């Protein structure tokens, strides 16, 4: 059983790795791939990461899903852990992950937990069950996901590059990715262990019509039940943003699809 860590990064955030990533952590996994998007003004951080054993891929275009697909295509390990450039983890967490993977040989996708800091408090309310259904996938974040590479190849599943930060519809990419795997018969399980730390999420806090269209499109994947999810989100985001056009944006994604 081999494990790759795949990180999508923008060049201006490379210094984030200085706070936690060292040779000891890199050597615990079989590959540590970082796809860097954006103009690299200084090679200092790049050179440090290469020196400690990371594989760096420079991508002149943008898009979180594009970056993740590139990393997946360049990886060779049995399991892939998909991360962002604003997280941190530890040697102890990686050891726990590897032990878990050895104990769950039949899983196609494993989801874990994350916290906002090392105080070990969960970042959100998690499921109290092992086997996840398609509705549970609405609550999963990409940094919690470890996926079997052979499953992605067999089922021809990739991230939809129309979705995610840096694309036209900047949200829901991980939910669509997981739902695609689920619909094609993948076994998705949840392990109640915190494996990574991420600052409080702010990217979805501002009103963005394109993000709402993405959410409406995601609702469409749940058929008629998805329309009730859409209604719930309409009330939720209308209250949050104090706007009356939320439903229209969600409905555009649900009824018209994404072109």
C-alpha atoms as a PDB file:
ATOM      1  CA  UNK A   1       0.000   0.000   0.000  1.00  0.00           C
ATOM      2  CA  UNK A   2       1.479   3.329  -1.096  1.00  0.00           C
ATOM      3  CA  UNK A   3       0.298   6.864  -0.354  1.00  0.00           C
ATOM      4  CA  UNK A   4       0.716  10.145  -2.229  1.00  0.00           C
ATOM      5  CA  UNK A   5      -0.044  13.608  -0.901  1.00  0.00           C
ATOM      6  CA  UNK A   6      -1.281  15.870  -3.701  1.00  0.00           C
ATOM      7  CA  UNK A   7      -1.362  19.605  -3.028  1.00  0.00           C
ATOM      8  CA  UNK A   8      -2.863  22.358  -5.143  1.00  0.00           C
ATOM      9  CA  UNK A   9      -1.001  25.602  -4.477  1.00  0.00           C
ATOM     10  CA  UNK A  10      -0.732  29.132  -5.772  1.00  0.00           C
ATOM     11  CA  UNK A  11       2.740  30.630  -5.937  1.00  0.00           C
ATOM     12  CA  UNK A  12       2.007  33.389  -3.419  1.00  0.00           C
ATOM     13  CA  UNK A  13       1.153  30.777  -0.750  1.00  0.00           C
ATOM     14  CA  UNK A  14       4.290  28.646  -0.999  1.00  0.00           C
ATOM     15  CA  UNK A  15       5.701  30.148   2.199  1.00  0.00           C
ATOM     16  CA  UNK A  16       2.830  28.442   4.094  1.00  0.00           C
ATOM     17  CA  UNK A  17       4.731  25.162   3.794  1.00  0.00           C
ATOM     18  CA  UNK A  18       7.643  26.578   5.807  1.00  0.00           C
ATOM     19  CA  UNK A  19       5.531  26.376   8.961  1.00  0.00           C
ATOM     20  CA  UNK A  20       5.039  22.598   8.945  1.00  0.00           C
ATOM     21  CA  UNK A  21       6.464  20.707   5.976  1.00  0.00           C
ATOM     22  CA  UNK A  22       9.903  19.138   6.376  1.00  0.00           C
ATOM     23  CA  UNK A  23      11.905  16.204   5.068  1.00  0.00           C
ATOM     24  CA  UNK A  24      10.682  13.873   7.822  1.00  0.00           C
ATOM     25  CA  UNK A  25       7.056  14.337   6.750  1.00  0.00           C
ATOM     26  CA  UNK A  26       7.844  13.999   3.044  1.00  0.00           C
ATOM     27  CA  UNK A  27       9.723  10.755   3.656  1.00  0.00           C
ATOM     28  CA  UNK A  28       6.686   9.210   5.355  1.00  0.00           C
ATOM     29  CA  UNK A  29       4.793   9.121   2.052  1.00  0.00           C
ATOM     30  CA  UNK A  30       5.719   7.670  -1.316  1.00  0.00           C
ATOM     31  CA  UNK A  31       5.117  10.880  -3.256  1.00  0.00           C
ATOM     32  CA  UNK A  32       4.565  14.476  -2.262  1.00  0.00           C
ATOM     33  CA  UNK A  33       3.354  16.340  -5.346  1.00  0.00           C
ATOM     34  CA  UNK A  34       2.684  20.081  -5.356  1.00  0.00           C
ATOM     35  CA  UNK A  35       1.095  21.696  -8.406  1.00  0.00           C
ATOM     36  CA  UNK A  36       1.938  25.413  -8.366  1.00  0.00           C
ATOM     37  CA  UNK A  37      -0.246  27.857 -10.284  1.00  0.00           C
ATOM     38  CA  UNK A  38       0.531  31.524 -10.826  1.00  0.00           C
ATOM     39  CA  UNK A  39       3.711  33.392 -11.685  1.00  0.00           C
ATOM     40  CA  UNK A  40       6.619  32.332  -9.475  1.00  0.00           C
ATOM     41  CA  UNK A  41       8.485  35.489  -8.501  1.00  0.00           C
ATOM     42  CA  UNK A  42      11.126  33.779  -6.389  1.00  0.00           C
ATOM     43  CA  UNK A  43      12.450  30.225  -6.604  1.00  0.00           C
ATOM     44  CA  UNK A  44      13.571  30.192  -2.970  1.00  0.00           C
ATOM     45  CA  UNK A  45      10.484  28.356  -1.700  1.00  0.00           C
ATOM     46  CA  UNK A  46      10.393  26.071  -4.734  1.00  0.00           C
ATOM     47  CA  UNK A  47      14.025  25.072  -4.223  1.00  0.00           C
ATOM     48  CA  UNK A  48      13.449  24.317  -0.526  1.00  0.00           C
ATOM     49  CA  UNK A  49      10.502  22.071  -1.336  1.00  0.00           C
ATOM     50  CA  UNK A  50      12.481  20.210  -3.999  1.00  0.00           C
ATOM     51  CA  UNK A  51      15.389  19.798  -1.587  1.00  0.00           C
ATOM     52  CA  UNK A  52      13.219  18.066   1.022  1.00  0.00           C
ATOM     53  CA  UNK A  53      11.836  15.658  -1.580  1.00  0.00           C
ATOM     54  CA  UNK A  54       8.696  17.235  -3.048  1.00  0.00           C
ATOM     55  CA  UNK A  55       7.873  16.931  -6.725  1.00  0.00           C
ATOM     56  CA  UNK A  56       6.954  20.375  -8.066  1.00  0.00           C
ATOM     57  CA  UNK A  57       4.794  20.869 -11.151  1.00  0.00           C
ATOM     58  CA  UNK A  58       4.415  24.408 -12.506  1.00  0.00           C
ATOM     59  CA  UNK A  59       1.086  25.079 -14.211  1.00  0.00           C
ATOM     60  CA  UNK A  60       0.722  28.405 -16.006  1.00  0.00           C
ATOM     61  CA  UNK A  61      -3.065  28.218 -16.066  1.00  0.00           C
ATOM     62  CA  UNK A  62      -5.473  28.407 -13.128  1.00  0.00           C
ATOM     63  CA  UNK A  63      -8.254  26.419 -11.537  1.00  0.00           C
ATOM     64  CA  UNK A  64      -8.333  24.253  -8.428  1.00  0.00           C
ATOM     65  CA  UNK A  65      -9.940  21.284 -10.186  1.00  0.00           C
ATOM     66  CA  UNK A  66      -7.453  21.548 -13.057  1.00  0.00           C
ATOM     67  CA  UNK A  67      -4.609  21.521 -10.530  1.00  0.00           C
ATOM     68  CA  UNK A  68      -5.982  18.434  -8.790  1.00  0.00           C
ATOM     69  CA  UNK A  69      -6.434  16.571 -12.067  1.00  0.00           C
ATOM     70  CA  UNK A  70      -2.837  17.303 -13.030  1.00  0.00           C
ATOM     71  CA  UNK A  71      -1.597  15.977  -9.687  1.00  0.00           C
ATOM     72  CA  UNK A  72      -3.736  12.835 -10.002  1.00  0.00           C
ATOM     73  CA  UNK A  73      -2.441  12.190 -13.530  1.00  0.00           C
ATOM     74  CA  UNK A  74       1.185  12.503 -12.349  1.00  0.00           C
ATOM     75  CA  UNK A  75       0.779  10.286  -9.277  1.00  0.00           C
ATOM     76  CA  UNK A  76       1.656   6.600  -8.997  1.00  0.00           C
ATOM     77  CA  UNK A  77       0.584   5.547  -5.497  1.00  0.00           C
ATOM     78  CA  UNK A  78      -2.285   3.292  -4.457  1.00  0.00           C
ATOM     79  CA  UNK A  79      -3.991   6.036  -2.443  1.00  0.00           C
ATOM     80  CA  UNK A  80      -4.129   9.793  -2.997  1.00  0.00           C
ATOM     81  CA  UNK A  81      -4.691  12.422  -0.308  1.00  0.00           C
ATOM     82  CA  UNK A  82      -5.980  15.661  -1.824  1.00  0.00           C
ATOM     83  CA  UNK A  83      -4.904  18.827   0.006  1.00  0.00           C
ATOM     84  CA  UNK A  84      -4.773  22.623  -0.351  1.00  0.00           C
ATOM     85  CA  UNK A  85      -1.929  25.040   0.347  1.00  0.00           C
ATOM     86  CA  UNK A  86      -3.428  26.527   3.522  1.00  0.00           C
ATOM     87  CA  UNK A  87      -3.479  23.403   5.682  1.00  0.00           C
ATOM     88  CA  UNK A  88      -0.984  21.684   7.937  1.00  0.00           C
ATOM     89  CA  UNK A  89      -0.641  18.168   9.242  1.00  0.00           C
ATOM     90  CA  UNK A  90       1.893  16.087  11.173  1.00  0.00           C
ATOM     91  CA  UNK A  91       3.934  12.900  11.111  1.00  0.00           C
ATOM     92  CA  UNK A  92       1.587  11.358  13.674  1.00  0.00           C
ATOM     93  CA  UNK A  93      -1.433  12.015  11.462  1.00  0.00           C
ATOM     94  CA  UNK A  94       0.214  10.437   8.431  1.00  0.00           C
ATOM     95  CA  UNK A  95       1.142   7.353  10.436  1.00  0.00           C
ATOM     96  CA  UNK A  96      -2.509   7.042  11.544  1.00  0.00           C
ATOM     97  CA  UNK A  97      -3.642   7.341   7.940  1.00  0.00           C
ATOM     98  CA  UNK A  98      -1.295   4.604   6.743  1.00  0.00           C
ATOM     99  CA  UNK A  99      -2.442   2.284   9.523  1.00  0.00           C
ATOM    100  CA  UNK A 100      -6.072   2.962   8.615  1.00  0.00           C
ATOM    101  CA  UNK A 101      -5.501   2.285   4.930  1.00  0.00           C
ATOM    102  CA  UNK A 102      -3.962  -1.078   5.803  1.00  0.00           C
ATOM    103  CA  UNK A 103      -7.034  -1.940   7.872  1.00  0.00           C
ATOM    104  CA  UNK A 104      -9.539  -0.943   5.172  1.00  0.00           C
ATOM    105  CA  UNK A 105      -8.329  -2.786   2.060  1.00  0.00           C
ATOM    106  CA  UNK A 106     -11.711  -2.762   0.307  1.00  0.00           C
ATOM    107  CA  UNK A 107     -12.504   0.964   0.551  1.00  0.00           C
ATOM    108  CA  UNK A 108     -12.418   3.081  -2.607  1.00  0.00           C
ATOM    109  CA  UNK A 109     -12.706   6.381  -0.749  1.00  0.00           C
ATOM    110  CA  UNK A 110     -11.979   7.165   2.887  1.00  0.00           C
ATOM    111  CA  UNK A 111     -13.115  10.402   4.492  1.00  0.00           C
ATOM    112  CA  UNK A 112     -11.600  11.606   7.739  1.00  0.00           C
ATOM    113  CA  UNK A 113     -11.996  14.772   9.819  1.00  0.00           C
ATOM    114  CA  UNK A 114     -10.296  18.133  10.106  1.00  0.00           C
ATOM    115  CA  UNK A 115     -10.042  20.766  12.801  1.00  0.00           C
ATOM    116  CA  UNK A 116      -9.322  24.480  12.731  1.00  0.00           C
ATOM    117  CA  UNK A 117      -6.275  24.040  14.932  1.00  0.00           C
ATOM    118  CA  UNK A 118      -4.340  21.416  16.834  1.00  0.00           C
ATOM    119  CA  UNK A 119      -6.676  21.717  19.824  1.00  0.00           C
ATOM    120  CA  UNK A 120      -8.342  18.560  18.444  1.00  0.00           C
ATOM    121  CA  UNK A 121     -11.811  20.079  18.231  1.00  0.00           C
ATOM    122  CA  UNK A 122     -13.816  19.097  15.165  1.00  0.00           C
ATOM    123  CA  UNK A 123     -14.427  21.871  12.655  1.00  0.00           C
ATOM    124  CA  UNK A 124     -18.050  20.840  12.107  1.00  0.00           C
ATOM    125  CA  UNK A 125     -20.666  18.269  13.066  1.00  0.00           C
ATOM    126  CA  UNK A 126     -19.710  14.886  11.634  1.00  0.00           C
ATOM    127  CA  UNK A 127     -21.641  11.730  10.809  1.00  0.00           C
ATOM    128  CA  UNK A 128     -21.905   9.074  13.488  1.00  0.00           C
ATOM    129  CA  UNK A 129     -21.613   6.219  10.996  1.00  0.00           C
ATOM    130  CA  UNK A 130     -19.037   4.452   8.896  1.00  0.00           C
ATOM    131  CA  UNK A 131     -20.705   4.001   5.511  1.00  0.00           C
ATOM    132  CA  UNK A 132     -21.700   7.220   3.765  1.00  0.00           C
ATOM    133  CA  UNK A 133     -24.688   7.736   1.503  1.00  0.00           C
ATOM    134  CA  UNK A 134     -25.011  10.291  -1.289  1.00  0.00           C
ATOM    135  CA  UNK A 135     -26.524  12.907   1.026  1.00  0.00           C
ATOM    136  CA  UNK A 136     -23.633  12.650   3.470  1.00  0.00           C
ATOM    137  CA  UNK A 137     -21.322  13.650   0.616  1.00  0.00           C
ATOM    138  CA  UNK A 138     -22.763  17.173   0.703  1.00  0.00           C
ATOM    139  CA  UNK A 139     -20.863  17.723   3.967  1.00  0.00           C
ATOM    140  CA  UNK A 140     -17.460  16.349   2.931  1.00  0.00           C
ATOM    141  CA  UNK A 141     -14.495  18.658   2.308  1.00  0.00           C
ATOM    142  CA  UNK A 142     -11.764  17.727  -0.157  1.00  0.00           C
ATOM    143  CA  UNK A 143      -8.965  17.849   2.439  1.00  0.00           C
ATOM    144  CA  UNK A 144     -10.703  15.020   4.329  1.00  0.00           C
ATOM    145  CA  UNK A 145     -10.632  12.714   1.306  1.00  0.00           C
ATOM    146  CA  UNK A 146      -8.233   9.907   0.447  1.00  0.00           C
ATOM    147  CA  UNK A 147      -9.114   8.031  -2.738  1.00  0.00           C
ATOM    148  CA  UNK A 148      -7.854   4.869  -4.391  1.00  0.00           C
ATOM    149  CA  UNK A 149      -6.082   5.779  -7.635  1.00  0.00           C
ATOM    150  CA  UNK A 150      -7.069   2.526  -9.366  1.00  0.00           C
ATOM    151  CA  UNK A 151     -10.736   3.356  -8.757  1.00  0.00           C
ATOM    152  CA  UNK A 152     -10.384   6.744 -10.426  1.00  0.00           C
ATOM    153  CA  UNK A 153      -8.729   5.130 -13.413  1.00  0.00           C
ATOM    154  CA  UNK A 154     -11.200   2.258 -13.681  1.00  0.00           C
ATOM    155  CA  UNK A 155     -14.269   4.497 -13.430  1.00  0.00           C
ATOM    156  CA  UNK A 156     -12.729   7.402 -15.365  1.00  0.00           C
ATOM    157  CA  UNK A 157     -13.546   9.902 -12.636  1.00  0.00           C
ATOM    158  CA  UNK A 158     -11.884  13.328 -12.531  1.00  0.00           C
ATOM    159  CA  UNK A 159     -12.662  16.713 -11.042  1.00  0.00           C
ATOM    160  CA  UNK A 160     -14.999  18.731 -13.257  1.00  0.00           C
ATOM    161  CA  UNK A 161     -12.828  21.696 -14.234  1.00  0.00           C
ATOM    162  CA  UNK A 162     -15.847  23.978 -14.642  1.00  0.00           C
ATOM    163  CA  UNK A 163     -16.126  23.970 -10.847  1.00  0.00           C
ATOM    164  CA  UNK A 164     -13.872  25.017  -7.967  1.00  0.00           C
ATOM    165  CA  UNK A 165     -11.865  28.123  -7.113  1.00  0.00           C
ATOM    166  CA  UNK A 166     -10.334  29.772 -10.150  1.00  0.00           C
ATOM    167  CA  UNK A 167     -13.082  28.517 -12.482  1.00  0.00           C
ATOM    168  CA  UNK A 168     -16.400  29.928 -13.693  1.00  0.00           C
ATOM    169  CA  UNK A 169     -18.333  28.168 -10.925  1.00  0.00           C
ATOM    170  CA  UNK A 170     -16.080  28.418  -7.839  1.00  0.00           C
ATOM    171  CA  UNK A 171     -17.578  25.772  -5.539  1.00  0.00           C
ATOM    172  CA  UNK A 172     -18.956  22.214  -5.204  1.00  0.00           C
ATOM    173  CA  UNK A 173     -16.099  20.518  -7.090  1.00  0.00           C
ATOM    174  CA  UNK A 174     -15.403  17.988  -4.313  1.00  0.00           C
ATOM    175  CA  UNK A 175     -19.089  17.140  -3.873  1.00  0.00           C
ATOM    176  CA  UNK A 176     -19.538  16.502  -7.599  1.00  0.00           C
ATOM    177  CA  UNK A 177     -16.343  14.433  -7.635  1.00  0.00           C
ATOM    178  CA  UNK A 178     -17.485  12.246  -4.730  1.00  0.00           C
ATOM    179  CA  UNK A 179     -21.033  11.943  -6.042  1.00  0.00           C
ATOM    180  CA  UNK A 180     -19.679  10.724  -9.381  1.00  0.00           C
ATOM    181  CA  UNK A 181     -17.693   8.049  -7.549  1.00  0.00           C
ATOM    182  CA  UNK A 182     -20.714   7.078  -5.455  1.00  0.00           C
ATOM    183  CA  UNK A 183     -23.038   6.835  -8.462  1.00  0.00           C
ATOM    184  CA  UNK A 184     -20.531   4.513 -10.144  1.00  0.00           C
ATOM    185  CA  UNK A 185     -20.580   2.119  -7.211  1.00  0.00           C
ATOM    186  CA  UNK A 186     -17.579   3.174  -5.127  1.00  0.00           C
ATOM    187  CA  UNK A 187     -17.403   2.173  -1.461  1.00  0.00           C
ATOM    188  CA  UNK A 188     -17.076   5.362   0.583  1.00  0.00           C
ATOM    189  CA  UNK A 189     -16.430   5.160   4.321  1.00  0.00           C
ATOM    190  CA  UNK A 190     -15.848   7.602   7.167  1.00  0.00           C
ATOM    191  CA  UNK A 191     -13.067   7.286   9.736  1.00  0.00           C
ATOM    192  CA  UNK A 192     -13.627   9.453  12.870  1.00  0.00           C
ATOM    193  CA  UNK A 193     -10.022  10.661  13.136  1.00  0.00           C
ATOM    194  CA  UNK A 194      -8.723  14.223  12.720  1.00  0.00           C
ATOM    195  CA  UNK A 195      -5.900  14.112  10.188  1.00  0.00           C
ATOM    196  CA  UNK A 196      -5.434  17.718   9.077  1.00  0.00           C
ATOM    197  CA  UNK A 197      -5.839  21.298  10.298  1.00  0.00           C
ATOM    198  CA  UNK A 198      -7.363  24.136   8.314  1.00  0.00           C
ATOM    199  CA  UNK A 199      -8.109  27.749   9.266  1.00  0.00           C
ATOM    200  CA  UNK A 200     -11.739  28.805   9.516  1.00  0.00           C
ATOM    201  CA  UNK A 201     -13.247  28.719   6.039  1.00  0.00           C
ATOM    202  CA  UNK A 202     -14.022  32.113   4.526  1.00  0.00           C
ATOM    203  CA  UNK A 203     -14.078  31.451   0.758  1.00  0.00           C
ATOM    204  CA  UNK A 204     -17.803  30.744   0.738  1.00  0.00           C
ATOM    205  CA  UNK A 205     -18.834  33.564   3.070  1.00  0.00           C
ATOM    206  CA  UNK A 206     -19.315  36.282   0.406  1.00  0.00           C
ATOM    207  CA  UNK A 207     -22.235  36.461  -1.986  1.00  0.00           C
ATOM    208  CA  UNK A 208     -21.266  34.966  -5.339  1.00  0.00           C
ATOM    209  CA  UNK A 209     -23.936  34.221  -7.964  1.00  0.00           C
ATOM    210  CA  UNK A 210     -21.697  31.737  -9.771  1.00  0.00           C
ATOM    211  CA  UNK A 211     -21.191  29.720  -6.589  1.00  0.00           C
ATOM    212  CA  UNK A 212     -24.944  29.557  -6.135  1.00  0.00           C
ATOM    213  CA  UNK A 213     -25.377  28.325  -9.708  1.00  0.00           C
ATOM    214  CA  UNK A 214     -22.882  25.575  -8.862  1.00  0.00           C
ATOM    215  CA  UNK A 215     -24.907  24.628  -5.801  1.00  0.00           C
ATOM    216  CA  UNK A 216     -28.069  24.542  -7.883  1.00  0.00           C
ATOM    217  CA  UNK A 217     -26.364  22.249 -10.373  1.00  0.00           C
ATOM    218  CA  UNK A 218     -25.284  19.980  -7.523  1.00  0.00           C
ATOM    219  CA  UNK A 219     -28.895  19.849  -6.297  1.00  0.00           C
ATOM    220  CA  UNK A 220     -29.945  18.706  -9.760  1.00  0.00           C
ATOM    221  CA  UNK A 221     -27.791  15.587  -9.283  1.00  0.00           C
ATOM    222  CA  UNK A 222     -30.135  14.564  -6.449  1.00  0.00           C
ATOM    223  CA  UNK A 223     -33.232  14.669  -8.680  1.00  0.00           C
ATOM    224  CA  UNK A 224     -36.494  15.685  -6.982  1.00  0.00           C
ATOM    225  CA  UNK A 225     -34.962  15.448  -3.501  1.00  0.00           C
ATOM    226  CA  UNK A 226     -32.389  17.942  -4.698  1.00  0.00           C
ATOM    227  CA  UNK A 227     -35.118  20.509  -5.246  1.00  0.00           C
ATOM    228  CA  UNK A 228     -35.954  20.388  -1.538  1.00  0.00           C
ATOM    229  CA  UNK A 229     -32.247  20.802  -0.766  1.00  0.00           C
ATOM    230  CA  UNK A 230     -32.322  23.804  -3.091  1.00  0.00           C
ATOM    231  CA  UNK A 231     -35.256  25.292  -1.170  1.00  0.00           C
ATOM    232  CA  UNK A 232     -33.405  24.797   2.116  1.00  0.00           C
ATOM    233  CA  UNK A 233     -30.302  26.499   0.749  1.00  0.00           C
ATOM    234  CA  UNK A 234     -32.444  29.290  -0.658  1.00  0.00           C
ATOM    235  CA  UNK A 235     -33.783  30.148   2.800  1.00  0.00           C
ATOM    236  CA  UNK A 236     -30.392  29.648   4.411  1.00  0.00           C
ATOM    237  CA  UNK A 237     -28.415  31.891   2.070  1.00  0.00           C
ATOM    238  CA  UNK A 238     -31.182  34.479   1.740  1.00  0.00           C
ATOM    239  CA  UNK A 239     -31.042  34.955   5.497  1.00  0.00           C
ATOM    240  CA  UNK A 240     -27.248  34.903   5.541  1.00  0.00           C
ATOM    241  CA  UNK A 241     -26.728  37.431   2.759  1.00  0.00           C
ATOM    242  CA  UNK A 242     -29.909  39.467   3.189  1.00  0.00           C
ATOM    243  CA  UNK A 243     -30.825  39.089  -0.484  1.00  0.00           C
ATOM    244  CA  UNK A 244     -33.972  38.080  -2.350  1.00  0.00           C
ATOM    245  CA  UNK A 245     -32.400  36.740  -5.558  1.00  0.00           C
ATOM    246  CA  UNK A 246     -30.740  33.654  -4.054  1.00  0.00           C
ATOM    247  CA  UNK A 247     -33.446  31.291  -5.273  1.00  0.00           C
ATOM    248  CA  UNK A 248     -33.113  32.553  -8.854  1.00  0.00           C
ATOM    249  CA  UNK A 249     -29.391  31.780  -8.971  1.00  0.00           C
ATOM    250  CA  UNK A 250     -29.862  28.326  -7.438  1.00  0.00           C
ATOM    251  CA  UNK A 251     -32.705  27.563  -9.826  1.00  0.00           C
ATOM    252  CA  UNK A 252     -30.585  28.559 -12.811  1.00  0.00           C
ATOM    253  CA  UNK A 253     -28.088  25.836 -11.934  1.00  0.00           C
ATOM    254  CA  UNK A 254     -30.810  23.298 -11.143  1.00  0.00           C
ATOM    255  CA  UNK A 255     -33.142  23.854 -14.073  1.00  0.00           C
ATOM    256  CA  UNK A 256     -30.804  24.859 -16.853  1.00  0.00           C
ATOM    257  CA  UNK A 257     -27.672  22.941 -15.987  1.00  0.00           C
ATOM    258  CA  UNK A 258     -24.200  24.252 -16.630  1.00  0.00           C
ATOM    259  CA  UNK A 259     -22.976  25.000 -20.128  1.00  0.00           C
END
